[in-house]
Protein backbone atom coordinates (compact mmCIF):
# COMPACT_ATOMS: atom_id res chain seq x y z
CA MET A 1 148.98 -15.91 17.39
CA PRO A 2 148.09 -12.82 16.72
CA ASP A 3 149.86 -9.95 18.69
CA PRO A 4 147.62 -8.60 21.61
CA GLU A 5 146.16 -4.93 21.03
CA PRO A 6 147.20 -2.44 23.49
CA SER A 7 144.82 -2.11 26.07
CA GLY A 8 146.13 0.95 28.65
CA ASP A 9 146.12 4.62 27.84
CA ARG A 10 149.39 4.63 27.89
CA ALA A 11 152.55 2.71 28.00
CA ILE A 12 156.74 2.82 28.09
CA LEU A 13 157.87 1.70 25.25
CA THR A 14 161.57 0.41 25.95
CA VAL A 15 163.54 -0.32 22.33
CA THR A 16 166.68 -2.22 22.78
CA LEU A 17 169.46 -1.86 19.73
CA THR A 18 171.56 -3.95 18.52
CA ASN A 19 174.73 -2.41 20.14
CA ARG A 20 172.72 -3.11 23.53
CA LEU A 21 171.81 0.15 24.36
CA GLU A 22 168.06 0.87 25.78
CA LYS A 23 166.03 3.62 25.24
CA GLU A 24 162.53 3.83 26.74
CA PHE A 25 159.83 6.43 25.93
CA ASP A 26 156.60 7.04 28.05
CA LEU A 27 154.12 7.56 25.10
CA SER A 28 150.22 7.65 24.27
CA ILE A 29 148.84 4.36 23.42
CA GLU A 30 148.42 6.24 19.96
CA GLU A 31 151.98 6.92 19.88
CA VAL A 32 152.50 3.17 20.49
CA ASN A 33 150.37 1.70 17.81
CA ALA A 34 151.51 4.48 15.68
CA PHE A 35 155.66 2.70 16.18
CA LEU A 36 153.84 -1.05 15.86
CA ASP A 37 152.37 0.09 12.77
CA TRP A 38 155.43 1.51 11.24
CA TYR A 39 157.35 -1.52 12.55
CA ASP A 40 155.47 -3.80 11.36
CA ALA A 41 154.72 -2.24 7.52
CA ARG A 42 159.12 -1.85 7.48
CA ASP A 43 159.09 -5.51 8.64
CA ALA A 44 156.84 -6.25 5.21
CA GLY A 45 159.76 -4.04 3.05
CA ALA A 46 157.31 -0.84 3.03
CA GLY A 47 157.75 2.23 4.44
CA PRO A 48 160.59 4.57 6.06
CA ALA A 49 164.11 2.92 7.59
CA LYS A 50 163.65 4.99 10.55
CA PHE A 51 160.65 6.50 13.15
CA ALA A 52 160.40 9.39 14.97
CA ILE A 53 159.52 9.44 18.42
CA ASP A 54 158.72 12.76 20.20
CA LYS A 55 160.39 13.36 23.94
CA HIS A 56 157.28 15.56 25.09
CA ASN A 57 158.19 16.27 29.00
CA ASN A 58 162.34 15.91 28.20
CA ASN A 59 162.14 19.01 26.06
CA LYS A 60 164.57 20.77 28.41
CA GLY A 61 166.46 23.67 26.50
CA PRO A 62 164.79 26.20 24.14
CA PHE A 63 163.59 23.85 21.67
CA SER A 64 159.90 24.24 20.02
CA SER A 65 160.15 20.20 19.81
CA ARG A 66 162.80 17.45 20.23
CA LYS A 67 162.17 13.45 18.63
CA GLU A 68 164.43 10.77 18.78
CA TYR A 69 164.83 8.77 15.65
CA VAL A 70 165.11 4.92 15.72
CA ILE A 71 166.56 2.94 12.91
CA PHE A 72 164.61 -0.43 11.80
CA ASP A 73 167.74 -2.57 11.19
CA LYS A 74 169.31 -1.39 14.76
CA ILE A 75 166.27 -2.49 16.91
CA LEU A 76 166.65 -6.10 18.28
CA THR A 77 163.67 -6.21 20.39
CA PHE A 78 161.43 -4.21 22.32
CA SER A 79 158.77 -4.10 24.80
CA ILE A 80 155.56 -2.62 25.95
CA ASP A 81 154.76 -2.08 29.16
CA GLU A 82 151.00 -0.50 29.49
CA TYR A 83 149.59 1.64 32.18
CA SER A 84 146.59 3.62 32.99
CA ALA A 85 147.01 7.33 33.19
CA LYS A 86 143.40 7.76 34.19
CA GLU A 87 142.25 7.65 37.67
């Protein structure tokens, strides 16, 4: 069964780690697709073990950029909840 392609312009990516900790990210569909491409490549044995997710609006403090890294073998599950931010 083929994986469905995202159809909204934004999505909430929720990653559940093997220790049951959940991480939630509000991302553009392009960022979600980049995550899916990385995940599929890593699952096939190619690419880096970690993936950087830009924290965007959570950029509190004096930082010019904040990224959170997820590690492939620490991901138990993930879900994608799409939505449209366009009026």
